[in-house]
Amino acid sequence: MGSQHDELVKGPPDEVVRAQELDALVRELRNWNRWGPDDQRGALHFLTAERIAVAAGLVRDGRTVSLSLPLNTTAVIHNRAAGGPPMTAPSDLDAGDEPVEFMKDYVGLD
């Protein structure tokens, strides 16, 4: 899928981009307000029925591949605010007295 922006990725890897050039690229390529101030779809507008059909035509088998990474929940020097899924409940709840009516999962990342 060629585009007018293909030339942006060419050139030596140590090529210097000046602040004015970077600013111009950001203004040209950003999607903020491209579809109006009340738009909720953003770049999903690029996901057209035609593109979905072309992508579906590339499928050769039903295999799926996860792109997720395991959540590192170990607090170490390079991961001080380790993400973790703590279970929370109201502080005034005594689970021995009544059935639990409120529980919440939270996963946080720094």
N, C-alpha and C. Protein backbone atom coordinates (compact mmCIF):
# COMPACT_ATOMS: atom_id res chain seq x y z
N MET A 1 0.85 -1.17 0.00
CA MET A 1 0.00 0.00 0.00
C MET A 1 0.90 1.24 0.00
N GLY A 2 1.26 1.72 -1.17
CA GLY A 2 2.13 2.88 -1.27
C GLY A 2 1.38 4.16 -0.94
N SER A 3 2.12 5.15 -0.54
CA SER A 3 1.49 6.43 -0.23
C SER A 3 2.49 7.53 -0.46
N GLN A 4 2.01 8.75 -0.37
CA GLN A 4 2.89 9.90 -0.52
C GLN A 4 3.89 9.99 0.62
N HIS A 5 3.69 9.22 1.68
CA HIS A 5 4.56 9.31 2.85
C HIS A 5 5.66 8.25 2.85
N ASP A 6 5.72 7.42 1.78
CA ASP A 6 6.75 6.38 1.72
C ASP A 6 8.15 6.97 1.81
N GLU A 7 8.36 8.14 1.22
CA GLU A 7 9.70 8.73 1.23
C GLU A 7 10.14 9.12 2.65
N LEU A 8 9.22 9.19 3.60
CA LEU A 8 9.58 9.58 4.96
C LEU A 8 10.41 8.51 5.67
N VAL A 9 10.28 7.27 5.24
CA VAL A 9 11.00 6.20 5.91
C VAL A 9 12.31 5.86 5.21
N LYS A 10 12.58 6.49 4.07
CA LYS A 10 13.82 6.24 3.34
C LYS A 10 14.93 7.14 3.86
N GLY A 11 16.15 6.78 3.53
CA GLY A 11 17.28 7.60 3.93
C GLY A 11 18.08 6.93 5.02
N PRO A 12 19.24 7.48 5.30
CA PRO A 12 20.09 6.87 6.33
C PRO A 12 19.44 6.96 7.70
N PRO A 13 19.67 5.95 8.55
CA PRO A 13 19.03 5.94 9.87
C PRO A 13 19.49 7.09 10.77
N ASP A 14 20.63 7.69 10.49
CA ASP A 14 21.11 8.77 11.34
C ASP A 14 20.77 10.15 10.75
N GLU A 15 19.81 10.17 9.83
CA GLU A 15 19.40 11.44 9.22
C GLU A 15 18.82 12.38 10.29
N VAL A 16 19.21 13.63 10.24
CA VAL A 16 18.76 14.62 11.20
C VAL A 16 17.48 15.26 10.71
N VAL A 17 16.48 15.34 11.58
CA VAL A 17 15.23 16.03 11.26
C VAL A 17 15.18 17.29 12.11
N ARG A 18 15.06 18.41 11.46
CA ARG A 18 15.00 19.68 12.18
C ARG A 18 13.64 19.85 12.83
N ALA A 19 13.59 20.68 13.87
CA ALA A 19 12.34 20.89 14.62
C ALA A 19 11.23 21.38 13.70
N GLN A 20 11.53 22.27 12.77
CA GLN A 20 10.50 22.78 11.85
C GLN A 20 9.97 21.67 10.95
N GLU A 21 10.86 20.76 10.50
CA GLU A 21 10.44 19.64 9.66
C GLU A 21 9.56 18.67 10.44
N LEU A 22 9.95 18.41 11.67
CA LEU A 22 9.16 17.52 12.52
C LEU A 22 7.78 18.12 12.77
N ASP A 23 7.74 19.41 13.08
CA ASP A 23 6.47 20.08 13.31
C ASP A 23 5.57 19.99 12.08
N ALA A 24 6.15 20.18 10.89
CA ALA A 24 5.37 20.09 9.66
C ALA A 24 4.84 18.68 9.45
N LEU A 25 5.66 17.67 9.75
CA LEU A 25 5.20 16.28 9.62
C LEU A 25 4.07 15.98 10.59
N VAL A 26 4.20 16.43 11.82
CA VAL A 26 3.15 16.20 12.82
C VAL A 26 1.85 16.83 12.36
N ARG A 27 1.91 18.07 11.88
CA ARG A 27 0.69 18.75 11.41
C ARG A 27 0.08 18.03 10.22
N GLU A 28 0.91 17.50 9.34
CA GLU A 28 0.41 16.81 8.14
C GLU A 28 -0.20 15.45 8.45
N LEU A 29 0.40 14.73 9.39
CA LEU A 29 0.01 13.34 9.62
C LEU A 29 -0.94 13.12 10.78
N ARG A 30 -1.13 14.10 11.64
CA ARG A 30 -2.00 13.89 12.79
C ARG A 30 -3.46 13.77 12.36
N ASN A 31 -4.22 13.15 13.22
CA ASN A 31 -5.64 12.93 12.93
C ASN A 31 -6.57 13.75 13.81
N TRP A 32 -6.02 14.52 14.77
CA TRP A 32 -6.88 15.30 15.65
C TRP A 32 -7.76 16.23 14.83
N ASN A 33 -9.05 16.15 15.07
CA ASN A 33 -10.06 16.99 14.41
C ASN A 33 -10.14 16.81 12.91
N ARG A 34 -9.51 15.79 12.37
CA ARG A 34 -9.59 15.53 10.93
C ARG A 34 -11.04 15.31 10.50
N TRP A 35 -11.84 14.68 11.36
CA TRP A 35 -13.22 14.37 11.02
C TRP A 35 -14.19 15.20 11.85
N GLY A 36 -13.74 16.29 12.39
CA GLY A 36 -14.60 17.19 13.15
C GLY A 36 -14.40 17.07 14.64
N PRO A 37 -14.79 18.10 15.40
CA PRO A 37 -14.53 18.13 16.85
C PRO A 37 -15.34 17.11 17.65
N ASP A 38 -16.45 16.62 17.12
CA ASP A 38 -17.29 15.66 17.85
C ASP A 38 -17.05 14.22 17.42
N ASP A 39 -16.06 13.99 16.58
CA ASP A 39 -15.81 12.65 16.07
C ASP A 39 -15.37 11.72 17.19
N GLN A 40 -15.88 10.50 17.18
CA GLN A 40 -15.51 9.50 18.18
C GLN A 40 -14.72 8.34 17.57
N ARG A 41 -14.65 8.25 16.24
CA ARG A 41 -13.99 7.12 15.59
C ARG A 41 -12.52 7.35 15.30
N GLY A 42 -12.12 8.58 15.09
CA GLY A 42 -10.72 8.88 14.81
C GLY A 42 -10.19 8.09 13.63
N ALA A 43 -9.01 7.49 13.80
CA ALA A 43 -8.36 6.77 12.71
C ALA A 43 -9.14 5.54 12.27
N LEU A 44 -10.16 5.14 13.02
CA LEU A 44 -11.00 4.03 12.57
C LEU A 44 -11.73 4.36 11.27
N HIS A 45 -11.80 5.66 10.91
CA HIS A 45 -12.38 6.03 9.62
C HIS A 45 -11.59 5.42 8.46
N PHE A 46 -10.32 5.13 8.68
CA PHE A 46 -9.51 4.50 7.64
C PHE A 46 -9.88 3.03 7.45
N LEU A 47 -10.57 2.44 8.41
CA LEU A 47 -10.96 1.04 8.35
C LEU A 47 -12.27 0.94 7.57
N THR A 48 -12.17 0.92 6.27
CA THR A 48 -13.34 0.89 5.40
C THR A 48 -13.74 -0.54 5.08
N ALA A 49 -14.94 -0.72 4.55
CA ALA A 49 -15.42 -2.05 4.16
C ALA A 49 -14.49 -2.65 3.11
N GLU A 50 -13.99 -1.84 2.20
CA GLU A 50 -13.08 -2.33 1.16
C GLU A 50 -11.78 -2.85 1.78
N ARG A 51 -11.22 -2.11 2.72
CA ARG A 51 -9.97 -2.54 3.36
C ARG A 51 -10.18 -3.80 4.19
N ILE A 52 -11.33 -3.91 4.84
CA ILE A 52 -11.63 -5.11 5.62
C ILE A 52 -11.72 -6.32 4.70
N ALA A 53 -12.38 -6.16 3.54
CA ALA A 53 -12.51 -7.26 2.58
C ALA A 53 -11.14 -7.68 2.05
N VAL A 54 -10.28 -6.72 1.75
CA VAL A 54 -8.94 -7.05 1.26
C VAL A 54 -8.17 -7.81 2.35
N ALA A 55 -8.24 -7.33 3.58
CA ALA A 55 -7.54 -7.99 4.69
C ALA A 55 -8.07 -9.41 4.90
N ALA A 56 -9.39 -9.57 4.84
CA ALA A 56 -9.99 -10.90 5.02
C ALA A 56 -9.53 -11.85 3.92
N GLY A 57 -9.29 -11.32 2.72
CA GLY A 57 -8.81 -12.14 1.62
C GLY A 57 -7.39 -12.65 1.81
N LEU A 58 -6.66 -12.08 2.74
CA LEU A 58 -5.29 -12.51 3.01
C LEU A 58 -5.23 -13.68 4.00
N VAL A 59 -6.33 -14.00 4.65
CA VAL A 59 -6.35 -15.07 5.65
C VAL A 59 -6.14 -16.42 4.97
N ARG A 60 -5.20 -17.20 5.50
CA ARG A 60 -4.90 -18.53 4.95
C ARG A 60 -5.35 -19.65 5.89
N ASP A 61 -5.35 -19.41 7.18
CA ASP A 61 -5.85 -20.38 8.15
C ASP A 61 -6.42 -19.63 9.34
N GLY A 62 -7.02 -20.32 10.28
CA GLY A 62 -7.69 -19.68 11.40
C GLY A 62 -6.83 -19.47 12.62
N ARG A 63 -5.52 -19.54 12.46
CA ARG A 63 -4.60 -19.41 13.59
C ARG A 63 -4.59 -17.97 14.10
N THR A 64 -4.58 -17.80 15.41
CA THR A 64 -4.45 -16.48 16.01
C THR A 64 -3.13 -16.38 16.74
N VAL A 65 -2.63 -15.18 16.87
CA VAL A 65 -1.36 -14.93 17.55
C VAL A 65 -1.57 -13.79 18.52
N SER A 66 -1.25 -14.00 19.78
CA SER A 66 -1.37 -12.95 20.78
C SER A 66 -0.18 -12.02 20.69
N LEU A 67 -0.44 -10.73 20.76
CA LEU A 67 0.63 -9.74 20.76
C LEU A 67 0.81 -9.15 22.16
N SER A 68 0.19 -9.77 23.15
CA SER A 68 0.27 -9.25 24.51
C SER A 68 1.58 -9.65 25.17
N LEU A 69 1.93 -8.92 26.19
CA LEU A 69 3.09 -9.23 27.01
C LEU A 69 2.60 -9.55 28.42
N PRO A 70 3.29 -10.43 29.13
CA PRO A 70 2.87 -10.70 30.51
C PRO A 70 3.03 -9.44 31.36
N LEU A 71 2.11 -9.23 32.27
CA LEU A 71 2.14 -8.08 33.15
C LEU A 71 3.18 -8.32 34.24
N ASN A 72 4.19 -7.45 34.30
CA ASN A 72 5.26 -7.60 35.29
C ASN A 72 4.77 -7.03 36.62
N THR A 73 4.51 -7.89 37.58
CA THR A 73 3.99 -7.47 38.88
C THR A 73 5.04 -7.50 39.98
N THR A 74 6.30 -7.69 39.60
CA THR A 74 7.38 -7.73 40.59
C THR A 74 8.01 -6.34 40.71
N ALA A 75 7.98 -5.78 41.92
CA ALA A 75 8.58 -4.47 42.15
C ALA A 75 10.08 -4.63 42.31
N VAL A 76 10.83 -4.08 41.36
CA VAL A 76 12.28 -4.08 41.39
C VAL A 76 12.75 -2.67 41.00
N ILE A 77 14.04 -2.43 41.00
CA ILE A 77 14.58 -1.10 40.78
C ILE A 77 14.11 -0.49 39.46
N HIS A 78 14.00 -1.28 38.40
CA HIS A 78 13.56 -0.75 37.11
C HIS A 78 12.05 -0.86 36.91
N ASN A 79 11.34 -1.33 37.92
CA ASN A 79 9.88 -1.47 37.84
C ASN A 79 9.30 -1.17 39.22
N ARG A 80 9.55 0.04 39.70
CA ARG A 80 9.18 0.39 41.07
C ARG A 80 7.68 0.35 41.31
N ALA A 81 6.92 0.86 40.37
CA ALA A 81 5.46 0.86 40.52
C ALA A 81 4.91 -0.29 39.70
N ALA A 82 5.20 -1.50 40.15
CA ALA A 82 4.80 -2.69 39.40
C ALA A 82 3.28 -2.74 39.26
N GLY A 83 2.85 -3.02 38.04
CA GLY A 83 1.42 -3.17 37.80
C GLY A 83 0.94 -4.46 38.41
N GLY A 84 -0.25 -4.45 38.88
CA GLY A 84 -0.78 -5.66 39.47
C GLY A 84 -2.29 -5.59 39.56
N PRO A 85 -2.93 -6.71 39.61
CA PRO A 85 -4.38 -6.73 39.68
C PRO A 85 -4.90 -6.91 41.10
N PRO A 86 -4.82 -5.87 41.94
CA PRO A 86 -5.35 -6.04 43.30
C PRO A 86 -6.88 -6.09 43.30
N MET A 87 -7.42 -6.90 44.14
CA MET A 87 -8.87 -6.94 44.33
C MET A 87 -9.20 -5.94 45.42
N THR A 88 -10.23 -5.17 45.22
CA THR A 88 -10.61 -4.19 46.23
C THR A 88 -12.06 -4.40 46.64
N ALA A 89 -12.38 -3.99 47.83
CA ALA A 89 -13.74 -4.08 48.36
C ALA A 89 -13.95 -2.89 49.29
N PRO A 90 -15.18 -2.56 49.60
CA PRO A 90 -15.42 -1.45 50.54
C PRO A 90 -14.71 -1.71 51.86
N SER A 91 -14.13 -0.67 52.44
CA SER A 91 -13.36 -0.85 53.67
C SER A 91 -14.24 -1.18 54.87
N ASP A 92 -15.52 -0.83 54.81
CA ASP A 92 -16.40 -1.11 55.94
C ASP A 92 -17.12 -2.45 55.81
N LEU A 93 -16.74 -3.26 54.85
CA LEU A 93 -17.41 -4.53 54.61
C LEU A 93 -16.80 -5.62 55.49
N ASP A 94 -17.63 -6.28 56.24
CA ASP A 94 -17.20 -7.45 56.99
C ASP A 94 -17.83 -8.64 56.28
N ALA A 95 -17.06 -9.35 55.48
CA ALA A 95 -17.58 -10.42 54.65
C ALA A 95 -18.25 -11.52 55.47
N GLY A 96 -17.95 -11.57 56.78
CA GLY A 96 -18.57 -12.60 57.60
C GLY A 96 -20.02 -12.29 57.95
N ASP A 97 -20.43 -11.03 57.86
CA ASP A 97 -21.78 -10.64 58.25
C ASP A 97 -22.80 -10.75 57.11
N GLU A 98 -22.40 -10.31 55.92
CA GLU A 98 -23.36 -10.22 54.82
C GLU A 98 -22.73 -10.75 53.54
N PRO A 99 -23.56 -11.06 52.54
CA PRO A 99 -23.00 -11.44 51.24
C PRO A 99 -22.26 -10.24 50.62
N VAL A 100 -21.22 -10.53 49.89
CA VAL A 100 -20.46 -9.47 49.23
C VAL A 100 -21.28 -8.91 48.08
N GLU A 101 -21.50 -7.60 48.08
CA GLU A 101 -22.29 -6.96 47.03
C GLU A 101 -21.41 -6.13 46.10
N PHE A 102 -20.14 -5.94 46.45
CA PHE A 102 -19.29 -5.07 45.67
C PHE A 102 -17.86 -5.59 45.67
N MET A 103 -17.33 -5.84 44.49
CA MET A 103 -15.92 -6.19 44.33
C MET A 103 -15.45 -5.50 43.06
N LYS A 104 -14.19 -5.14 43.02
CA LYS A 104 -13.68 -4.40 41.87
C LYS A 104 -12.27 -4.89 41.54
N ASP A 105 -12.00 -5.10 40.24
CA ASP A 105 -10.66 -5.37 39.77
C ASP A 105 -10.03 -4.07 39.32
N TYR A 106 -8.73 -3.94 39.52
CA TYR A 106 -8.01 -2.79 39.04
C TYR A 106 -6.65 -3.25 38.55
N VAL A 107 -6.28 -2.88 37.34
CA VAL A 107 -4.95 -3.14 36.82
C VAL A 107 -4.34 -1.80 36.49
N GLY A 108 -3.21 -1.48 37.11
CA GLY A 108 -2.58 -0.19 36.88
C GLY A 108 -1.17 -0.36 36.36
N LEU A 109 -0.76 0.54 35.47
CA LEU A 109 0.58 0.53 34.92
C LEU A 109 1.17 1.90 35.06
N ASP A 110 2.46 1.96 35.26
CA ASP A 110 3.14 3.23 35.38
C ASP A 110 3.82 3.55 34.07
